[in-house]
Protein backbone atom coordinates (compact mmCIF):
# COMPACT_ATOMS: atom_id res chain seq x y z
CA UNK A 1 -85.85 62.76 0.24
CA UNK A 2 -82.75 61.71 2.17
CA UNK A 3 -82.71 62.60 5.83
CA UNK A 4 -79.19 63.72 6.66
CA UNK A 5 -78.01 63.95 10.23
CA UNK A 6 -75.98 67.09 9.71
CA UNK A 7 -73.31 68.29 12.17
CA UNK A 8 -75.44 71.38 13.10
CA UNK A 9 -77.88 69.02 14.80
CA UNK A 10 -75.27 67.97 17.35
CA UNK A 11 -76.07 70.96 19.45
CA UNK A 12 -79.82 70.23 19.34
CA UNK A 13 -79.99 66.44 19.56
CA UNK A 14 -78.15 63.91 21.65
CA UNK A 15 -75.17 62.39 19.90
CA UNK A 16 -72.46 59.86 20.72
CA UNK A 17 -68.72 59.79 20.09
CA UNK A 18 -67.12 56.34 19.96
CA UNK A 19 -63.56 56.11 21.35
CA UNK A 20 -60.79 53.66 22.17
CA UNK A 21 -60.99 53.04 25.92
CA UNK A 22 -57.18 52.96 26.22
CA UNK A 23 -55.87 55.71 23.93
CA UNK A 24 -59.06 57.87 23.95
CA UNK A 25 -58.73 58.14 20.17
CA UNK A 26 -61.95 58.43 18.22
CA UNK A 27 -63.00 55.43 16.05
CA UNK A 28 -64.14 56.58 12.59
CA UNK A 29 -66.91 54.85 10.65
CA UNK A 30 -67.90 52.64 13.59
CA UNK A 31 -70.89 50.39 12.98
CA UNK A 32 -74.08 51.24 14.90
CA UNK A 33 -76.46 48.36 14.59
CA UNK A 34 -80.13 49.09 15.39
CA UNK A 35 -80.63 45.33 15.79
CA UNK A 36 -83.73 45.42 13.65
CA UNK A 37 -82.21 45.02 10.20
CA UNK A 38 -81.01 48.62 9.91
CA UNK A 39 -78.00 50.61 11.07
CA UNK A 40 -75.52 53.30 10.17
CA UNK A 41 -71.88 54.36 10.71
CA UNK A 42 -70.30 57.15 12.72
CA UNK A 43 -68.56 59.89 10.86
CA UNK A 44 -64.79 60.28 10.51
CA UNK A 45 -64.66 61.73 14.02
CA UNK A 46 -66.59 58.86 15.58
CA UNK A 47 -69.79 60.91 15.88
CA UNK A 48 -73.41 60.00 15.21
CA UNK A 49 -76.67 61.72 16.17
CA UNK A 50 -79.12 59.60 18.16
CA UNK A 51 -82.25 60.27 16.10
CA UNK A 52 -85.74 59.64 17.45
CA UNK A 53 -86.30 56.98 14.81
CA UNK A 54 -83.55 54.79 16.31
CA UNK A 55 -84.44 51.98 18.72
CA UNK A 56 -83.43 52.28 22.38
CA UNK A 57 -80.84 49.49 22.31
CA UNK A 58 -78.07 49.76 19.80
CA UNK A 59 -74.96 47.62 19.22
CA UNK A 60 -71.63 49.42 18.65
CA UNK A 61 -69.01 47.40 16.69
CA UNK A 62 -65.51 48.20 15.43
CA UNK A 63 -63.10 45.60 14.08
CA UNK A 64 -60.44 44.79 16.70
CA UNK A 65 -62.60 45.89 19.61
CA UNK A 66 -65.14 44.21 21.90
CA UNK A 67 -68.70 45.05 20.72
CA UNK A 68 -70.95 46.82 23.16
CA UNK A 69 -74.75 47.02 23.45
CA UNK A 70 -76.00 50.24 25.04
CA UNK A 71 -79.44 51.58 26.02
CA UNK A 72 -79.89 55.11 24.60
CA UNK A 73 -82.11 56.22 27.47
CA UNK A 74 -79.47 55.28 30.02
CA UNK A 75 -76.54 56.98 28.40
CA UNK A 76 -74.65 59.43 30.61
CA UNK A 77 -72.59 61.85 28.58
CA UNK A 78 -71.71 61.45 24.91
CA UNK A 79 -68.70 59.12 24.94
CA UNK A 80 -68.90 55.39 24.34
CA UNK A 81 -65.67 53.61 25.01
CA UNK A 82 -64.77 50.31 23.25
CA UNK A 83 -62.14 47.96 24.68
CA UNK A 84 -59.41 46.78 22.33
CA UNK A 85 -59.16 43.01 21.88
CA UNK A 86 -55.94 41.08 21.29
CA UNK A 87 -55.00 42.12 17.82
CA UNK A 88 -53.86 39.23 15.61
CA UNK A 89 -54.01 41.14 12.37
CA UNK A 90 -51.06 40.83 9.98
CA UNK A 91 -49.20 43.93 9.08
CA UNK A 92 -48.91 44.75 5.41
CA UNK A 93 -45.62 45.10 3.71
CA UNK A 94 -44.06 48.43 2.77
CA UNK A 95 -44.56 49.28 -0.87
CA UNK A 96 -41.71 48.40 -3.16
CA UNK A 97 -39.18 50.94 -4.39
CA UNK A 98 -39.24 52.26 -7.94
CA UNK A 99 -36.29 50.05 -8.83
CA UNK A 100 -38.03 46.98 -7.54
CA UNK A 101 -41.25 47.88 -9.30
CA UNK A 102 -39.46 47.83 -12.66
CA UNK A 103 -38.43 44.22 -12.08
CA UNK A 104 -41.91 43.07 -11.24
CA UNK A 105 -44.24 41.32 -13.62
CA UNK A 106 -47.98 41.92 -13.60
CA UNK A 107 -51.03 39.74 -13.98
CA UNK A 108 -54.05 41.79 -15.13
CA UNK A 109 -57.60 40.41 -14.85
CA UNK A 110 -60.15 42.56 -16.61
CA UNK A 111 -63.58 43.36 -15.10
CA UNK A 112 -66.86 42.11 -16.63
CA UNK A 113 -68.67 45.13 -18.09
CA UNK A 114 -72.08 45.75 -19.52
CA UNK A 115 -74.91 48.31 -19.28
CA UNK A 116 -77.98 46.04 -19.19
CA UNK A 117 -80.33 47.28 -16.39
CA UNK A 118 -82.14 43.89 -16.54
CA UNK A 119 -79.02 42.41 -14.94
CA UNK A 120 -78.12 44.93 -12.34
CA UNK A 121 -77.50 45.07 -8.56
CA UNK A 122 -77.64 48.01 -6.17
CA UNK A 123 -76.03 49.59 -3.09
CA UNK A 124 -77.47 50.30 0.34
CA UNK A 125 -75.97 51.47 3.66
CA UNK A 126 -74.22 48.59 5.40
CA UNK A 127 -74.11 46.41 2.34
CA UNK A 128 -70.95 44.32 1.92
CA UNK A 129 -69.51 42.73 -1.24
CA UNK A 130 -66.82 40.03 -0.80
CA UNK A 131 -64.74 39.47 -3.96
CA UNK A 132 -62.55 36.40 -4.03
CA UNK A 133 -59.03 36.91 -5.35
CA UNK A 134 -57.12 33.61 -5.93
CA UNK A 135 -53.39 33.13 -5.53
CA UNK A 136 -52.55 32.80 -9.20
CA UNK A 137 -48.81 33.48 -8.91
CA UNK A 138 -46.31 32.74 -6.16
CA UNK A 139 -45.53 35.76 -3.98
CA UNK A 140 -48.36 37.67 -5.52
CA UNK A 141 -49.08 41.23 -4.37
CA UNK A 142 -52.51 42.81 -4.92
CA UNK A 143 -51.90 46.28 -6.41
CA UNK A 144 -55.46 47.39 -7.32
CA UNK A 145 -58.99 46.29 -7.94
CA UNK A 146 -61.40 47.57 -10.61
CA UNK A 147 -65.11 47.60 -9.76
CA UNK A 148 -67.50 47.48 -12.74
CA UNK A 149 -70.42 49.93 -12.58
CA UNK A 150 -73.60 50.59 -14.49
CA UNK A 151 -73.85 54.26 -15.43
CA UNK A 152 -77.61 54.19 -15.69
CA UNK A 153 -79.75 55.07 -12.68
CA UNK A 154 -82.50 52.73 -11.58
CA UNK A 155 -85.23 54.89 -13.01
CA UNK A 156 -84.26 54.35 -16.63
CA UNK A 157 -86.85 52.09 -18.18
CA UNK A 158 -88.55 51.53 -14.81
CA UNK A 159 -90.04 54.79 -13.58
CA UNK A 160 -90.53 58.23 -15.09
CA UNK A 161 -88.05 60.07 -12.84
CA UNK A 162 -84.79 59.33 -11.10
CA UNK A 163 -84.81 58.27 -7.46
CA UNK A 164 -81.73 60.44 -7.09
CA UNK A 165 -81.95 64.03 -8.36
CA UNK A 166 -78.74 65.59 -7.03
CA UNK A 167 -75.16 64.36 -7.51
CA UNK A 168 -73.41 62.95 -4.40
CA UNK A 169 -70.60 60.63 -3.38
CA UNK A 170 -70.96 57.20 -1.95
CA UNK A 171 -68.23 56.23 0.57
CA UNK A 172 -67.02 52.66 0.63
CA UNK A 173 -64.39 50.87 2.65
CA UNK A 174 -62.05 48.16 1.36
CA UNK A 175 -60.69 45.48 3.74
CA UNK A 176 -59.15 42.04 3.33
CA UNK A 177 -60.54 38.85 4.94
CA UNK A 178 -59.19 35.39 5.26
CA UNK A 179 -60.52 32.61 3.00
CA UNK A 180 -62.12 29.81 5.05
CA UNK A 181 -63.71 27.13 2.86
CA UNK A 182 -64.47 29.79 0.25
CA UNK A 183 -66.17 32.09 2.70
CA UNK A 184 -64.83 35.34 4.18
CA UNK A 185 -63.64 34.78 7.72
CA UNK A 186 -61.69 37.19 9.98
CA UNK A 187 -59.95 40.39 8.94
CA UNK A 188 -56.49 39.59 7.56
CA UNK A 189 -54.52 42.84 7.53
CA UNK A 190 -54.60 46.07 9.57
CA UNK A 191 -54.68 48.08 6.37
CA UNK A 192 -57.93 49.35 4.90
CA UNK A 193 -58.82 51.97 2.32
CA UNK A 194 -61.69 54.49 2.29
CA UNK A 195 -62.81 55.49 -1.19
CA UNK A 196 -65.56 57.76 -2.48
CA UNK A 197 -67.45 56.98 -5.69
CA UNK A 198 -68.93 60.20 -7.20
CA UNK A 199 -72.41 59.58 -8.73
CA UNK A 200 -72.03 62.38 -11.22
CA UNK A 201 -68.67 61.09 -12.40
CA UNK A 202 -69.46 57.37 -12.72
CA UNK A 203 -68.06 55.64 -15.81
CA UNK A 204 -68.23 51.93 -16.53
CA UNK A 205 -65.61 51.15 -13.92
CA UNK A 206 -63.54 52.55 -11.11
CA UNK A 207 -59.98 51.50 -10.27
CA UNK A 208 -58.95 51.57 -6.64
CA UNK A 209 -55.22 51.33 -5.94
CA UNK A 210 -53.63 50.32 -2.65
CA UNK A 211 -50.80 52.36 -1.14
CA UNK A 212 -49.41 49.34 0.71
CA UNK A 213 -48.31 45.95 -0.69
CA UNK A 214 -51.09 43.35 0.02
CA UNK A 215 -49.68 39.84 -0.09
CA UNK A 216 -52.06 37.18 -1.37
CA UNK A 217 -52.02 34.00 0.78
CA UNK A 218 -51.76 30.61 -0.88
CA UNK A 219 -55.47 29.96 -0.40
CA UNK A 220 -56.37 33.38 -1.78
CA UNK A 221 -58.44 35.94 0.13
CA UNK A 222 -61.51 38.13 -0.08
CA UNK A 223 -61.48 41.82 -0.80
CA UNK A 224 -64.52 43.14 1.14
CA UNK A 225 -66.17 46.37 0.08
CA UNK A 226 -68.54 47.94 2.62
CA UNK A 227 -71.01 50.65 1.57
CA UNK A 228 -70.81 53.28 4.36
CA UNK A 229 -73.17 55.91 2.88
CA UNK A 230 -73.39 59.27 1.15
CA UNK A 231 -70.88 62.16 1.39
CA UNK A 232 -71.67 65.90 1.37
CA UNK A 233 -70.45 68.46 -1.16
CA UNK A 234 -67.09 68.54 0.59
CA UNK A 235 -66.66 64.83 0.17
CA UNK A 236 -67.14 64.10 3.89
CA UNK A 237 -69.37 61.29 5.12
CA UNK A 238 -72.43 62.35 7.06
CA UNK A 239 -74.40 59.67 8.96
CA UNK A 240 -77.82 59.10 7.41
CA UNK A 241 -80.78 56.93 8.31
CA UNK A 242 -80.62 53.80 6.10
CA UNK A 243 -84.35 53.59 5.41
CA UNK A 244 -87.24 55.56 4.02
CA UNK A 245 -90.73 55.66 5.65
CA UNK A 246 -93.67 55.32 3.27
CA UNK A 247 -97.37 55.70 4.04
CA UNK A 248 -99.18 52.60 2.68
CA UNK A 249 -102.95 52.61 3.20
CA UNK A 250 -102.59 54.81 6.29
CA UNK A 251 -99.80 52.62 7.75
CA UNK A 252 -96.20 53.84 7.89
CA UNK A 253 -93.67 51.18 6.75
CA UNK A 254 -89.93 51.30 6.50
CA UNK A 255 -87.98 50.14 3.50
CA UNK A 256 -84.29 49.96 2.72
CA UNK A 257 -82.89 53.08 1.10
CA UNK A 258 -81.20 52.34 -2.23
CA UNK A 259 -78.22 54.50 -3.19
CA UNK A 260 -75.80 54.61 -6.08
CA UNK A 261 -73.75 53.05 -7.59
CA UNK A 262 -75.30 50.12 -9.38
CA UNK A 263 -73.34 47.09 -10.56
CA UNK A 264 -73.54 44.84 -13.71
CA UNK A 265 -74.25 41.22 -12.94
CA UNK A 266 -72.71 38.29 -14.88
CA UNK A 267 -73.22 34.56 -14.44
CA UNK A 268 -71.26 33.16 -11.52
CA UNK A 269 -67.98 31.34 -12.33
CA UNK A 270 -65.31 29.80 -10.13
CA UNK A 271 -62.91 32.55 -11.15
CA UNK A 272 -65.25 35.37 -10.21
CA UNK A 273 -66.76 34.14 -6.92
CA UNK A 274 -68.49 36.96 -5.02
CA UNK A 275 -70.72 36.96 -1.96
CA UNK A 276 -72.96 39.67 -0.54
CA UNK A 277 -74.62 40.44 2.80
CA UNK A 278 -75.92 43.38 4.80
CA UNK A 279 -73.90 44.09 7.95
CA UNK A 280 -77.03 45.09 9.90
CA UNK A 281 -79.13 42.13 8.93
CA UNK A 282 -80.70 39.99 11.67
CA UNK A 283 -78.81 37.04 10.09
CA UNK A 284 -75.70 38.59 8.44
CA UNK A 285 -74.72 35.48 6.50
CA UNK A 286 -72.85 35.69 3.22
CA UNK A 287 -75.01 34.73 0.25
CA UNK A 288 -74.79 34.55 -3.54
CA UNK A 289 -76.83 36.87 -5.67
CA UNK A 290 -79.77 34.82 -6.95
CA UNK A 291 -81.53 37.46 -9.04
CA UNK A 292 -81.11 40.97 -10.35
CA UNK A 293 -82.45 44.13 -8.72
CA UNK A 294 -85.57 44.20 -10.87
CA UNK A 295 -86.79 40.71 -11.67
CA UNK A 296 -89.69 38.61 -12.96
CA UNK A 297 -91.28 36.27 -10.45
CA UNK A 298 -91.81 33.51 -12.96
CA UNK A 299 -88.35 33.65 -14.43
CA UNK A 300 -85.51 31.37 -13.34
CA UNK A 301 -82.17 33.14 -12.97
CA UNK A 302 -78.64 31.67 -12.74
CA UNK A 303 -76.42 32.46 -9.74
CA UNK A 304 -74.89 35.91 -10.31
CA UNK A 305 -71.65 37.65 -9.53
CA UNK A 306 -70.07 41.06 -10.01
CA UNK A 307 -66.90 40.41 -12.04
CA UNK A 308 -64.21 42.64 -10.61
CA UNK A 309 -60.86 43.16 -12.28
CA UNK A 310 -57.55 43.27 -10.42
CA UNK A 311 -53.81 43.67 -10.89
CA UNK A 312 -51.29 41.36 -9.21
CA UNK A 313 -47.53 41.92 -9.24
CA UNK A 314 -45.17 39.02 -8.69
């Protein structure tokens, strides 16, 4: 059962609100790293409850701001202020007019789809997927990406019942990172998009359009999708602990909480390079997917990728 840190608990438990130290504006979906392989994000108002299962020292991180490590037992008040760093992010271009759109040509790359649960990957809070988009046309503008999904839940063919009984949304954030030797580097643009994937409305793919024009550099770039967590019935994100506690032989052990959606894996190719990592990992390095979610120990698997689709105008 998911343990949701609902807003009503704010009055009963200690919580924090993360803000800009200069403007005093709240910072939505700020990363709270437990520094033990787990973490969560603040809600859209920069709030998060400090649950008893959290460690005393937590690291607060928001892109464009200096990170801060705080001791929970030494906090005075609820506000945590982050100092803005020198912002070198590129501004995105204003979207083209209707007249200009008619003149544009489009390059459409289709996603790789299948529904085979033997070649499937999963989502968890803080997980990041970095999809490489090459510069295939001069002056190319990324208009949208299409993420392939597997409609089936993990339970099908594996256990007798679903690990998720009630429909919910999974909030993800799309950002754009520089390509440095075929690895995601720093954030490229100040534009980002928050998107909610509804588990009860999942089809084989979702298309995510971008309201701004996203120029593709000559060396290409990475579209980075971060899994923030579940949303409530109103579609609003509510911070949730990223792990479940199981009793194994009288000993309580934590394990990563798996959430929807799931993704179809295909064999890695140069055209479909994708890397994955967990933002809260002790060693948050980008890696390739070496095996599916459910695998056989004695079987050798090829390097995998999730083959996204995308539309480029030029």
